[in-house]
């Protein structure tokens, strides 16, 4: 669809949508890094509180939660977000690549 159609359908310009997508990607990366660094599990309430300070809404947090769980990167047990082997492997590879 063209820019005007996207704006008409969503109420946002494509440039604004791209910026929002980039912000969400940065937040997801921050969450995944935090979880990968705490293999015993990161409390969901603490993750949410930290993201609220960045302006993330409850709905945005639910979107992140759904995404990371459905991607097989995180298991949630009680309130703990626990990294899966898939996340730990990807995180280790990313860290090694930046050295």
C-alpha atoms as a PDB file:
ATOM      1  CA  UNK A   1       0.000   0.000   0.000  1.00  0.00           C
ATOM      2  CA  UNK A   2       1.025   3.560  -0.581  1.00  0.00           C
ATOM      3  CA  UNK A   3       1.940   6.009   2.169  1.00  0.00           C
ATOM      4  CA  UNK A   4      -1.475   7.694   2.089  1.00  0.00           C
ATOM      5  CA  UNK A   5      -3.295   4.349   2.344  1.00  0.00           C
ATOM      6  CA  UNK A   6      -1.150   3.294   5.309  1.00  0.00           C
ATOM      7  CA  UNK A   7      -1.834   6.622   7.016  1.00  0.00           C
ATOM      8  CA  UNK A   8      -5.558   6.330   6.343  1.00  0.00           C
ATOM      9  CA  UNK A   9      -5.705   2.764   7.704  1.00  0.00           C
ATOM     10  CA  UNK A  10      -3.509   3.260  10.782  1.00  0.00           C
ATOM     11  CA  UNK A  11      -3.649   6.960  11.527  1.00  0.00           C
ATOM     12  CA  UNK A  12       0.161   7.101  11.430  1.00  0.00           C
ATOM     13  CA  UNK A  13       2.611   7.978   8.729  1.00  0.00           C
ATOM     14  CA  UNK A  14       4.980   5.251   7.496  1.00  0.00           C
ATOM     15  CA  UNK A  15       7.927   7.186   8.958  1.00  0.00           C
ATOM     16  CA  UNK A  16       6.255   7.264  12.376  1.00  0.00           C
ATOM     17  CA  UNK A  17       5.455   3.560  12.144  1.00  0.00           C
ATOM     18  CA  UNK A  18       9.086   2.792  11.269  1.00  0.00           C
ATOM     19  CA  UNK A  19      10.246   4.801  14.273  1.00  0.00           C
ATOM     20  CA  UNK A  20       7.814   2.965  16.555  1.00  0.00           C
ATOM     21  CA  UNK A  21       8.982  -0.397  15.177  1.00  0.00           C
ATOM     22  CA  UNK A  22      12.606   0.562  15.839  1.00  0.00           C
ATOM     23  CA  UNK A  23      11.761   1.579  19.406  1.00  0.00           C
ATOM     24  CA  UNK A  24       9.927  -1.705  20.004  1.00  0.00           C
ATOM     25  CA  UNK A  25      12.862  -3.672  18.573  1.00  0.00           C
ATOM     26  CA  UNK A  26      15.247  -1.861  20.922  1.00  0.00           C
ATOM     27  CA  UNK A  27      12.989  -2.637  23.888  1.00  0.00           C
ATOM     28  CA  UNK A  28      12.775  -6.311  22.878  1.00  0.00           C
ATOM     29  CA  UNK A  29      16.558  -6.468  22.557  1.00  0.00           C
ATOM     30  CA  UNK A  30      16.943  -4.921  26.008  1.00  0.00           C
ATOM     31  CA  UNK A  31      14.512  -7.438  27.522  1.00  0.00           C
ATOM     32  CA  UNK A  32      16.226 -10.386  25.844  1.00  0.00           C
ATOM     33  CA  UNK A  33      19.678  -9.193  26.949  1.00  0.00           C
ATOM     34  CA  UNK A  34      18.477  -8.835  30.517  1.00  0.00           C
ATOM     35  CA  UNK A  35      16.903 -12.281  30.502  1.00  0.00           C
ATOM     36  CA  UNK A  36      19.968 -13.892  28.914  1.00  0.00           C
ATOM     37  CA  UNK A  37      22.141 -12.349  31.640  1.00  0.00           C
ATOM     38  CA  UNK A  38      19.893 -13.780  34.374  1.00  0.00           C
ATOM     39  CA  UNK A  39      19.584 -17.508  33.582  1.00  0.00           C
ATOM     40  CA  UNK A  40      17.791 -18.134  36.893  1.00  0.00           C
ATOM     41  CA  UNK A  41      14.983 -15.948  35.535  1.00  0.00           C
ATOM     42  CA  UNK A  42      14.101 -12.286  35.490  1.00  0.00           C
ATOM     43  CA  UNK A  43      10.929 -11.234  37.352  1.00  0.00           C
ATOM     44  CA  UNK A  44       8.296 -10.040  34.901  1.00  0.00           C
ATOM     45  CA  UNK A  45       7.168  -7.288  37.260  1.00  0.00           C
ATOM     46  CA  UNK A  46      10.668  -5.839  37.363  1.00  0.00           C
ATOM     47  CA  UNK A  47      10.959  -6.017  33.562  1.00  0.00           C
ATOM     48  CA  UNK A  48       7.607  -4.254  33.216  1.00  0.00           C
ATOM     49  CA  UNK A  49       8.526  -1.558  35.729  1.00  0.00           C
ATOM     50  CA  UNK A  50      11.751  -0.847  33.870  1.00  0.00           C
ATOM     51  CA  UNK A  51       9.968  -0.643  30.527  1.00  0.00           C
ATOM     52  CA  UNK A  52       7.241   1.628  31.934  1.00  0.00           C
ATOM     53  CA  UNK A  53       9.949   4.226  32.593  1.00  0.00           C
ATOM     54  CA  UNK A  54      10.592   4.159  28.833  1.00  0.00           C
ATOM     55  CA  UNK A  55       6.918   4.812  28.119  1.00  0.00           C
ATOM     56  CA  UNK A  56       5.853   1.252  27.356  1.00  0.00           C
ATOM     57  CA  UNK A  57       2.193   0.520  28.018  1.00  0.00           C
ATOM     58  CA  UNK A  58       0.712  -2.641  29.474  1.00  0.00           C
ATOM     59  CA  UNK A  59      -0.452  -3.552  25.967  1.00  0.00           C
ATOM     60  CA  UNK A  60       3.085  -3.081  24.621  1.00  0.00           C
ATOM     61  CA  UNK A  61       4.448  -5.293  27.381  1.00  0.00           C
ATOM     62  CA  UNK A  62       1.926  -7.997  26.483  1.00  0.00           C
ATOM     63  CA  UNK A  63       3.007  -7.774  22.847  1.00  0.00           C
ATOM     64  CA  UNK A  64       6.650  -8.261  23.848  1.00  0.00           C
ATOM     65  CA  UNK A  65       5.715 -11.157  26.135  1.00  0.00           C
ATOM     66  CA  UNK A  66       3.724 -12.894  23.398  1.00  0.00           C
ATOM     67  CA  UNK A  67       6.503 -12.368  20.874  1.00  0.00           C
ATOM     68  CA  UNK A  68       9.402 -13.691  22.964  1.00  0.00           C
ATOM     69  CA  UNK A  69       7.433 -16.718  24.171  1.00  0.00           C
ATOM     70  CA  UNK A  70       6.050 -17.604  20.731  1.00  0.00           C
ATOM     71  CA  UNK A  71       9.536 -17.224  19.232  1.00  0.00           C
ATOM     72  CA  UNK A  72      10.794 -19.837  21.693  1.00  0.00           C
ATOM     73  CA  UNK A  73      13.219 -17.444  23.347  1.00  0.00           C
ATOM     74  CA  UNK A  74      11.663 -17.269  26.808  1.00  0.00           C
ATOM     75  CA  UNK A  75       9.647 -19.553  29.073  1.00  0.00           C
ATOM     76  CA  UNK A  76       7.517 -17.923  31.743  1.00  0.00           C
ATOM     77  CA  UNK A  77       7.084 -19.794  35.004  1.00  0.00           C
ATOM     78  CA  UNK A  78       5.101 -17.979  37.666  1.00  0.00           C
ATOM     79  CA  UNK A  79       6.462 -14.438  37.233  1.00  0.00           C
ATOM     80  CA  UNK A  80       9.948 -15.479  36.098  1.00  0.00           C
ATOM     81  CA  UNK A  81      11.012 -14.973  32.510  1.00  0.00           C
ATOM     82  CA  UNK A  82      13.525 -17.761  31.945  1.00  0.00           C
ATOM     83  CA  UNK A  83      15.817 -17.873  28.910  1.00  0.00           C
ATOM     84  CA  UNK A  84      15.491 -20.924  26.702  1.00  0.00           C
ATOM     85  CA  UNK A  85      18.544 -22.695  25.283  1.00  0.00           C
ATOM     86  CA  UNK A  86      17.680 -21.024  21.968  1.00  0.00           C
ATOM     87  CA  UNK A  87      18.042 -17.543  23.491  1.00  0.00           C
ATOM     88  CA  UNK A  88      21.218 -18.426  25.384  1.00  0.00           C
ATOM     89  CA  UNK A  89      22.831 -19.837  22.228  1.00  0.00           C
ATOM     90  CA  UNK A  90      21.874 -16.815  20.125  1.00  0.00           C
ATOM     91  CA  UNK A  91      22.996 -14.391  22.844  1.00  0.00           C
ATOM     92  CA  UNK A  92      26.371 -16.115  23.244  1.00  0.00           C
ATOM     93  CA  UNK A  93      26.906 -16.033  19.475  1.00  0.00           C
ATOM     94  CA  UNK A  94      26.001 -12.341  19.298  1.00  0.00           C
ATOM     95  CA  UNK A  95      28.370 -11.493  22.144  1.00  0.00           C
ATOM     96  CA  UNK A  96      31.187 -13.488  20.519  1.00  0.00           C
ATOM     97  CA  UNK A  97      30.615 -11.690  17.215  1.00  0.00           C
ATOM     98  CA  UNK A  98      31.031  -8.281  18.832  1.00  0.00           C
ATOM     99  CA  UNK A  99      34.378  -9.098  20.448  1.00  0.00           C
END
